[in-house]
Amino acid sequence: MLMAHPAVLPGLVDRYWALSVLDAAEGASPVGRELQAVERALCVATGTTDVHAALIAARHHLPGTGTLDDSVLAPG
């Protein structure tokens, strides 16, 4: 499976959280569309189909993170 370069993931994750806050505060459709685009990018970059799984996968692949328990990512 292709995986995004670790330098790309922090920016995507930061952008996702920033847009999530804006979307919750405003409910504006341009922000919502951009949020959906970032969600898709995260999913593609992490090889997942769900933004929550993408965030977990990104957290495990970010530089400087150590994994104590990756059972969340085990195939079901």
PDB file of N, CA and C in Angstrom:
ATOM      1  N   MET A   1       0.841  -1.175   0.000  1.00  0.00           N
ATOM      2  CA  MET A   1       0.000   0.000   0.000  1.00  0.00           C
ATOM      3  C   MET A   1       0.888   1.241   0.000  1.00  0.00           C
ATOM      4  N   LEU A   2       0.518   2.216  -0.799  1.00  0.00           N
ATOM      5  CA  LEU A   2       1.218   3.491  -0.808  1.00  0.00           C
ATOM      6  C   LEU A   2       0.842   4.271   0.443  1.00  0.00           C
ATOM      7  N   MET A   3       1.825   4.962   0.995  1.00  0.00           N
ATOM      8  CA  MET A   3       1.566   5.777   2.173  1.00  0.00           C
ATOM      9  C   MET A   3       2.154   7.155   1.932  1.00  0.00           C
ATOM     10  N   ALA A   4       1.451   8.176   2.361  1.00  0.00           N
ATOM     11  CA  ALA A   4       1.930   9.550   2.187  1.00  0.00           C
ATOM     12  C   ALA A   4       3.232   9.757   2.938  1.00  0.00           C
ATOM     13  N   HIS A   5       4.050  10.632   2.425  1.00  0.00           N
ATOM     14  CA  HIS A   5       5.289  10.978   3.109  1.00  0.00           C
ATOM     15  C   HIS A   5       4.922  11.560   4.478  1.00  0.00           C
ATOM     16  N   PRO A   6       5.641  11.179   5.525  1.00  0.00           N
ATOM     17  CA  PRO A   6       5.314  11.663   6.874  1.00  0.00           C
ATOM     18  C   PRO A   6       5.295  13.183   7.003  1.00  0.00           C
ATOM     19  N   ALA A   7       5.985  13.883   6.136  1.00  0.00           N
ATOM     20  CA  ALA A   7       5.973  15.346   6.200  1.00  0.00           C
ATOM     21  C   ALA A   7       4.632  15.931   5.768  1.00  0.00           C
ATOM     22  N   VAL A   8       3.844  15.170   5.020  1.00  0.00           N
ATOM     23  CA  VAL A   8       2.551  15.650   4.530  1.00  0.00           C
ATOM     24  C   VAL A   8       1.462  15.501   5.599  1.00  0.00           C
ATOM     25  N   LEU A   9       1.539  14.462   6.384  1.00  0.00           N
ATOM     26  CA  LEU A   9       0.468  14.150   7.331  1.00  0.00           C
ATOM     27  C   LEU A   9       0.212  15.232   8.380  1.00  0.00           C
ATOM     28  N   PRO A  10       1.227  15.823   8.998  1.00  0.00           N
ATOM     29  CA  PRO A  10       0.924  16.846  10.013  1.00  0.00           C
ATOM     30  C   PRO A  10       0.112  18.010   9.458  1.00  0.00           C
ATOM     31  N   GLY A  11       0.428  18.446   8.247  1.00  0.00           N
ATOM     32  CA  GLY A  11      -0.323  19.542   7.643  1.00  0.00           C
ATOM     33  C   GLY A  11      -1.774  19.179   7.386  1.00  0.00           C
ATOM     34  N   LEU A  12      -2.000  17.962   6.904  1.00  0.00           N
ATOM     35  CA  LEU A  12      -3.373  17.518   6.661  1.00  0.00           C
ATOM     36  C   LEU A  12      -4.164  17.418   7.955  1.00  0.00           C
ATOM     37  N   VAL A  13      -3.541  16.857   8.984  1.00  0.00           N
ATOM     38  CA  VAL A  13      -4.226  16.710  10.274  1.00  0.00           C
ATOM     39  C   VAL A  13      -4.526  18.087  10.860  1.00  0.00           C
ATOM     40  N   ASP A  14      -3.551  18.986  10.839  1.00  0.00           N
ATOM     41  CA  ASP A  14      -3.773  20.345  11.364  1.00  0.00           C
ATOM     42  C   ASP A  14      -4.879  21.059  10.600  1.00  0.00           C
ATOM     43  N   ARG A  15      -4.868  20.915   9.276  1.00  0.00           N
ATOM     44  CA  ARG A  15      -5.899  21.551   8.446  1.00  0.00           C
ATOM     45  C   ARG A  15      -7.272  20.966   8.754  1.00  0.00           C
ATOM     46  N   TYR A  16      -7.344  19.657   8.957  1.00  0.00           N
ATOM     47  CA  TYR A  16      -8.616  19.013   9.287  1.00  0.00           C
ATOM     48  C   TYR A  16      -9.188  19.600  10.574  1.00  0.00           C
ATOM     49  N   TRP A  17      -8.361  19.680  11.624  1.00  0.00           N
ATOM     50  CA  TRP A  17      -8.863  20.185  12.914  1.00  0.00           C
ATOM     51  C   TRP A  17      -9.260  21.650  12.818  1.00  0.00           C
ATOM     52  N   ALA A  18      -8.497  22.455  12.101  1.00  0.00           N
ATOM     53  CA  ALA A  18      -8.830  23.875  11.946  1.00  0.00           C
ATOM     54  C   ALA A  18     -10.161  24.041  11.210  1.00  0.00           C
ATOM     55  N   LEU A  19     -10.334  23.281  10.138  1.00  0.00           N
ATOM     56  CA  LEU A  19     -11.586  23.365   9.379  1.00  0.00           C
ATOM     57  C   LEU A  19     -12.756  22.813  10.173  1.00  0.00           C
ATOM     58  N   SER A  20     -12.522  21.801  10.996  1.00  0.00           N
ATOM     59  CA  SER A  20     -13.594  21.238  11.829  1.00  0.00           C
ATOM     60  C   SER A  20     -14.140  22.292  12.778  1.00  0.00           C
ATOM     61  N   VAL A  21     -13.231  23.066  13.366  1.00  0.00           N
ATOM     62  CA  VAL A  21     -13.651  24.128  14.279  1.00  0.00           C
ATOM     63  C   VAL A  21     -14.440  25.194  13.527  1.00  0.00           C
ATOM     64  N   LEU A  22     -13.942  25.603  12.371  1.00  0.00           N
ATOM     65  CA  LEU A  22     -14.644  26.609  11.574  1.00  0.00           C
ATOM     66  C   LEU A  22     -16.006  26.103  11.121  1.00  0.00           C
ATOM     67  N   ASP A  23     -16.067  24.858  10.690  1.00  0.00           N
ATOM     68  CA  ASP A  23     -17.320  24.285  10.211  1.00  0.00           C
ATOM     69  C   ASP A  23     -18.339  24.210  11.337  1.00  0.00           C
ATOM     70  N   ALA A  24     -17.904  23.846  12.532  1.00  0.00           N
ATOM     71  CA  ALA A  24     -18.804  23.759  13.676  1.00  0.00           C
ATOM     72  C   ALA A  24     -19.286  25.151  14.084  1.00  0.00           C
ATOM     73  N   ALA A  25     -18.399  26.143  13.983  1.00  0.00           N
ATOM     74  CA  ALA A  25     -18.748  27.494  14.400  1.00  0.00           C
ATOM     75  C   ALA A  25     -19.649  28.198  13.391  1.00  0.00           C
ATOM     76  N   GLU A  26     -19.394  27.984  12.107  1.00  0.00           N
ATOM     77  CA  GLU A  26     -20.107  28.724  11.078  1.00  0.00           C
ATOM     78  C   GLU A  26     -21.159  27.893  10.354  1.00  0.00           C
ATOM     79  N   GLY A  27     -20.868  26.628  10.150  1.00  0.00           N
ATOM     80  CA  GLY A  27     -21.756  25.801   9.350  1.00  0.00           C
ATOM     81  C   GLY A  27     -21.790  26.240   7.894  1.00  0.00           C
ATOM     82  N   ALA A  28     -20.758  26.945   7.460  1.00  0.00           N
ATOM     83  CA  ALA A  28     -20.720  27.497   6.107  1.00  0.00           C
ATOM     84  C   ALA A  28     -20.378  26.410   5.096  1.00  0.00           C
ATOM     85  N   SER A  29     -21.044  26.455   3.952  1.00  0.00           N
ATOM     86  CA  SER A  29     -20.810  25.419   2.952  1.00  0.00           C
ATOM     87  C   SER A  29     -19.416  25.479   2.321  1.00  0.00           C
ATOM     88  N   PRO A  30     -18.807  26.652   2.071  1.00  0.00           N
ATOM     89  CA  PRO A  30     -17.440  26.615   1.520  1.00  0.00           C
ATOM     90  C   PRO A  30     -16.462  25.939   2.476  1.00  0.00           C
ATOM     91  N   VAL A  31     -16.616  26.180   3.758  1.00  0.00           N
ATOM     92  CA  VAL A  31     -15.761  25.528   4.749  1.00  0.00           C
ATOM     93  C   VAL A  31     -16.058  24.036   4.763  1.00  0.00           C
ATOM     94  N   GLY A  32     -17.304  23.674   4.681  1.00  0.00           N
ATOM     95  CA  GLY A  32     -17.684  22.261   4.655  1.00  0.00           C
ATOM     96  C   GLY A  32     -17.122  21.531   3.454  1.00  0.00           C
ATOM     97  N   ARG A  33     -17.144  22.188   2.299  1.00  0.00           N
ATOM     98  CA  ARG A  33     -16.580  21.564   1.089  1.00  0.00           C
ATOM     99  C   ARG A  33     -15.074  21.375   1.223  1.00  0.00           C
ATOM    100  N   GLU A  34     -14.397  22.378   1.775  1.00  0.00           N
ATOM    101  CA  GLU A  34     -12.956  22.240   1.964  1.00  0.00           C
ATOM    102  C   GLU A  34     -12.646  21.156   2.994  1.00  0.00           C
ATOM    103  N   LEU A  35     -13.466  21.082   4.043  1.00  0.00           N
ATOM    104  CA  LEU A  35     -13.300  20.035   5.049  1.00  0.00           C
ATOM    105  C   LEU A  35     -13.448  18.653   4.414  1.00  0.00           C
ATOM    106  N   GLN A  36     -14.432  18.481   3.550  1.00  0.00           N
ATOM    107  CA  GLN A  36     -14.615  17.201   2.867  1.00  0.00           C
ATOM    108  C   GLN A  36     -13.413  16.873   1.990  1.00  0.00           C
ATOM    109  N   ALA A  37     -12.848  17.878   1.338  1.00  0.00           N
ATOM    110  CA  ALA A  37     -11.664  17.646   0.503  1.00  0.00           C
ATOM    111  C   ALA A  37     -10.480  17.201   1.351  1.00  0.00           C
ATOM    112  N   VAL A  38     -10.310  17.814   2.518  1.00  0.00           N
ATOM    113  CA  VAL A  38      -9.212  17.421   3.405  1.00  0.00           C
ATOM    114  C   VAL A  38      -9.458  16.020   3.959  1.00  0.00           C
ATOM    115  N   GLU A  39     -10.718  15.702   4.272  1.00  0.00           N
ATOM    116  CA  GLU A  39     -11.044  14.351   4.740  1.00  0.00           C
ATOM    117  C   GLU A  39     -10.677  13.316   3.686  1.00  0.00           C
ATOM    118  N   ARG A  40     -11.020  13.584   2.424  1.00  0.00           N
ATOM    119  CA  ARG A  40     -10.676  12.652   1.344  1.00  0.00           C
ATOM    120  C   ARG A  40      -9.165  12.524   1.207  1.00  0.00           C
ATOM    121  N   ALA A  41      -8.463  13.647   1.301  1.00  0.00           N
ATOM    122  CA  ALA A  41      -7.001  13.612   1.196  1.00  0.00           C
ATOM    123  C   ALA A  41      -6.388  12.794   2.318  1.00  0.00           C
ATOM    124  N   LEU A  42      -6.909  12.943   3.531  1.00  0.00           N
ATOM    125  CA  LEU A  42      -6.421  12.145   4.657  1.00  0.00           C
ATOM    126  C   LEU A  42      -6.663  10.664   4.424  1.00  0.00           C
ATOM    127  N   CYS A  43      -7.842  10.330   3.932  1.00  0.00           N
ATOM    128  CA  CYS A  43      -8.159   8.926   3.672  1.00  0.00           C
ATOM    129  C   CYS A  43      -7.235   8.338   2.603  1.00  0.00           C
ATOM    130  N   VAL A  44      -7.011   9.085   1.539  1.00  0.00           N
ATOM    131  CA  VAL A  44      -6.121   8.610   0.481  1.00  0.00           C
ATOM    132  C   VAL A  44      -4.694   8.486   1.017  1.00  0.00           C
ATOM    133  N   ALA A  45      -4.262   9.480   1.773  1.00  0.00           N
ATOM    134  CA  ALA A  45      -2.886   9.491   2.277  1.00  0.00           C
ATOM    135  C   ALA A  45      -2.612   8.361   3.259  1.00  0.00           C
ATOM    136  N   THR A  46      -3.655   7.900   3.951  1.00  0.00           N
ATOM    137  CA  THR A  46      -3.463   6.854   4.960  1.00  0.00           C
ATOM    138  C   THR A  46      -4.006   5.498   4.523  1.00  0.00           C
ATOM    139  N   GLY A  47      -4.612   5.426   3.353  1.00  0.00           N
ATOM    140  CA  GLY A  47      -5.142   4.158   2.861  1.00  0.00           C
ATOM    141  C   GLY A  47      -6.375   3.689   3.610  1.00  0.00           C
ATOM    142  N   THR A  48      -7.176   4.638   4.082  1.00  0.00           N
ATOM    143  CA  THR A  48      -8.399   4.300   4.816  1.00  0.00           C
ATOM    144  C   THR A  48      -9.609   4.824   4.060  1.00  0.00           C
ATOM    145  N   THR A  49     -10.793   4.476   4.532  1.00  0.00           N
ATOM    146  CA  THR A  49     -12.017   4.955   3.898  1.00  0.00           C
ATOM    147  C   THR A  49     -12.874   5.785   4.838  1.00  0.00           C
ATOM    148  N   ASP A  50     -12.404   5.998   6.058  1.00  0.00           N
ATOM    149  CA  ASP A  50     -13.162   6.742   7.057  1.00  0.00           C
ATOM    150  C   ASP A  50     -12.225   7.769   7.693  1.00  0.00           C
ATOM    151  N   VAL A  51     -12.696   8.993   7.875  1.00  0.00           N
ATOM    152  CA  VAL A  51     -11.827  10.045   8.392  1.00  0.00           C
ATOM    153  C   VAL A  51     -11.325   9.733   9.801  1.00  0.00           C
ATOM    154  N   HIS A  52     -12.132   9.074  10.620  1.00  0.00           N
ATOM    155  CA  HIS A  52     -11.682   8.738  11.974  1.00  0.00           C
ATOM    156  C   HIS A  52     -10.547   7.711  11.928  1.00  0.00           C
ATOM    157  N   ALA A  53     -10.681   6.735  11.072  1.00  0.00           N
ATOM    158  CA  ALA A  53      -9.593   5.766  10.891  1.00  0.00           C
ATOM    159  C   ALA A  53      -8.364   6.453  10.302  1.00  0.00           C
ATOM    160  N   ALA A  54      -8.587   7.414   9.411  1.00  0.00           N
ATOM    161  CA  ALA A  54      -7.473   8.149   8.812  1.00  0.00           C
ATOM    162  C   ALA A  54      -6.710   8.945   9.868  1.00  0.00           C
ATOM    163  N   LEU A  55      -7.435   9.561  10.786  1.00  0.00           N
ATOM    164  CA  LEU A  55      -6.775  10.325  11.850  1.00  0.00           C
ATOM    165  C   LEU A  55      -5.965   9.413  12.769  1.00  0.00           C
ATOM    166  N   ILE A  56      -6.499   8.250  13.071  1.00  0.00           N
ATOM    167  CA  ILE A  56      -5.765   7.284  13.904  1.00  0.00           C
ATOM    168  C   ILE A  56      -4.522   6.816  13.168  1.00  0.00           C
ATOM    169  N   ALA A  57      -4.681   6.463  11.897  1.00  0.00           N
ATOM    170  CA  ALA A  57      -3.532   6.005  11.109  1.00  0.00           C
ATOM    171  C   ALA A  57      -2.487   7.108  10.985  1.00  0.00           C
ATOM    172  N   ALA A  58      -2.934   8.333  10.759  1.00  0.00           N
ATOM    173  CA  ALA A  58      -1.994   9.449  10.636  1.00  0.00           C
ATOM    174  C   ALA A  58      -1.232   9.641  11.941  1.00  0.00           C
ATOM    175  N   ARG A  59      -1.928   9.536  13.061  1.00  0.00           N
ATOM    176  CA  ARG A  59      -1.271   9.700  14.359  1.00  0.00           C
ATOM    177  C   ARG A  59      -0.176   8.658  14.543  1.00  0.00           C
ATOM    178  N   HIS A  60      -0.405   7.458  14.060  1.00  0.00           N
ATOM    179  CA  HIS A  60       0.587   6.386  14.192  1.00  0.00           C
ATOM    180  C   HIS A  60       1.771   6.567  13.249  1.00  0.00           C
ATOM    181  N   HIS A  61       1.587   7.372  12.208  1.00  0.00           N
ATOM    182  CA  HIS A  61       2.656   7.569  11.232  1.00  0.00           C
ATOM    183  C   HIS A  61       3.346   8.918  11.353  1.00  0.00           C
ATOM    184  N   LEU A  62       2.883   9.767  12.266  1.00  0.00           N
ATOM    185  CA  LEU A  62       3.514  11.076  12.421  1.00  0.00           C
ATOM    186  C   LEU A  62       4.911  10.923  12.994  1.00  0.00           C
ATOM    187  N   PRO A  63       5.821  11.745  12.544  1.00  0.00           N
ATOM    188  CA  PRO A  63       7.186  11.676  13.074  1.00  0.00           C
ATOM    189  C   PRO A  63       7.197  11.929  14.582  1.00  0.00           C
ATOM    190  N   GLY A  64       7.974  11.131  15.290  1.00  0.00           N
ATOM    191  CA  GLY A  64       8.130  11.317  16.727  1.00  0.00           C
ATOM    192  C   GLY A  64       7.081  10.647  17.581  1.00  0.00           C
ATOM    193  N   THR A  65       6.143   9.942  16.969  1.00  0.00           N
ATOM    194  CA  THR A  65       5.137   9.261  17.770  1.00  0.00           C
ATOM    195  C   THR A  65       5.540   7.813  17.959  1.00  0.00           C
ATOM    196  N   GLY A  66       5.296   7.313  19.131  1.00  0.00           N
ATOM    197  CA  GLY A  66       5.558   5.908  19.427  1.00  0.00           C
ATOM    198  C   GLY A  66       4.245   5.206  19.655  1.00  0.00           C
ATOM    199  N   THR A  67       4.165   3.999  19.242  1.00  0.00           N
ATOM    200  CA  THR A  67       2.931   3.243  19.379  1.00  0.00           C
ATOM    201  C   THR A  67       3.082   2.225  20.495  1.00  0.00           C
ATOM    202  N   LEU A  68       2.243   2.354  21.491  1.00  0.00           N
ATOM    203  CA  LEU A  68       2.235   1.374  22.563  1.00  0.00           C
ATOM    204  C   LEU A  68       1.280   0.226  22.243  1.00  0.00           C
ATOM    205  N   ASP A  69       0.159   0.578  21.616  1.00  0.00           N
ATOM    206  CA  ASP A  69      -0.846  -0.434  21.317  1.00  0.00           C
ATOM    207  C   ASP A  69      -1.511  -0.071  19.992  1.00  0.00           C
ATOM    208  N   ASP A  70      -1.300  -0.861  18.976  1.00  0.00           N
ATOM    209  CA  ASP A  70      -1.926  -0.575  17.691  1.00  0.00           C
ATOM    210  C   ASP A  70      -3.084  -1.519  17.397  1.00  0.00           C
ATOM    211  N   SER A  71      -3.695  -2.071  18.435  1.00  0.00           N
ATOM    212  CA  SER A  71      -4.791  -3.032  18.224  1.00  0.00           C
ATOM    213  C   SER A  71      -5.967  -2.375  17.537  1.00  0.00           C
ATOM    214  N   VAL A  72      -6.103  -1.069  17.625  1.00  0.00           N
ATOM    215  CA  VAL A  72      -7.188  -0.355  16.948  1.00  0.00           C
ATOM    216  C   VAL A  72      -7.089  -0.532  15.454  1.00  0.00           C
ATOM    217  N   LEU A  73      -5.867  -0.698  14.949  1.00  0.00           N
ATOM    218  CA  LEU A  73      -5.657  -0.806  13.519  1.00  0.00           C
ATOM    219  C   LEU A  73      -5.677  -2.231  12.996  1.00  0.00           C
ATOM    220  N   ALA A  74      -5.884  -3.187  13.885  1.00  0.00           N
ATOM    221  CA  ALA A  74      -5.876  -4.593  13.467  1.00  0.00           C
ATOM    222  C   ALA A  74      -7.055  -4.873  12.545  1.00  0.00           C
ATOM    223  N   PRO A  75      -6.829  -5.661  11.506  1.00  0.00           N
ATOM    224  CA  PRO A  75      -7.946  -5.983  10.603  1.00  0.00           C
ATOM    225  C   PRO A  75      -9.018  -6.762  11.336  1.00  0.00           C
ATOM    226  N   GLY A  76     -10.247  -6.412  11.019  1.00  0.00           N
ATOM    227  CA  GLY A  76     -11.357  -7.046  11.730  1.00  0.00           C
ATOM    228  C   GLY A  76     -11.979  -8.029  10.902  1.00  0.00           C
TER     229      GLY A  76
END
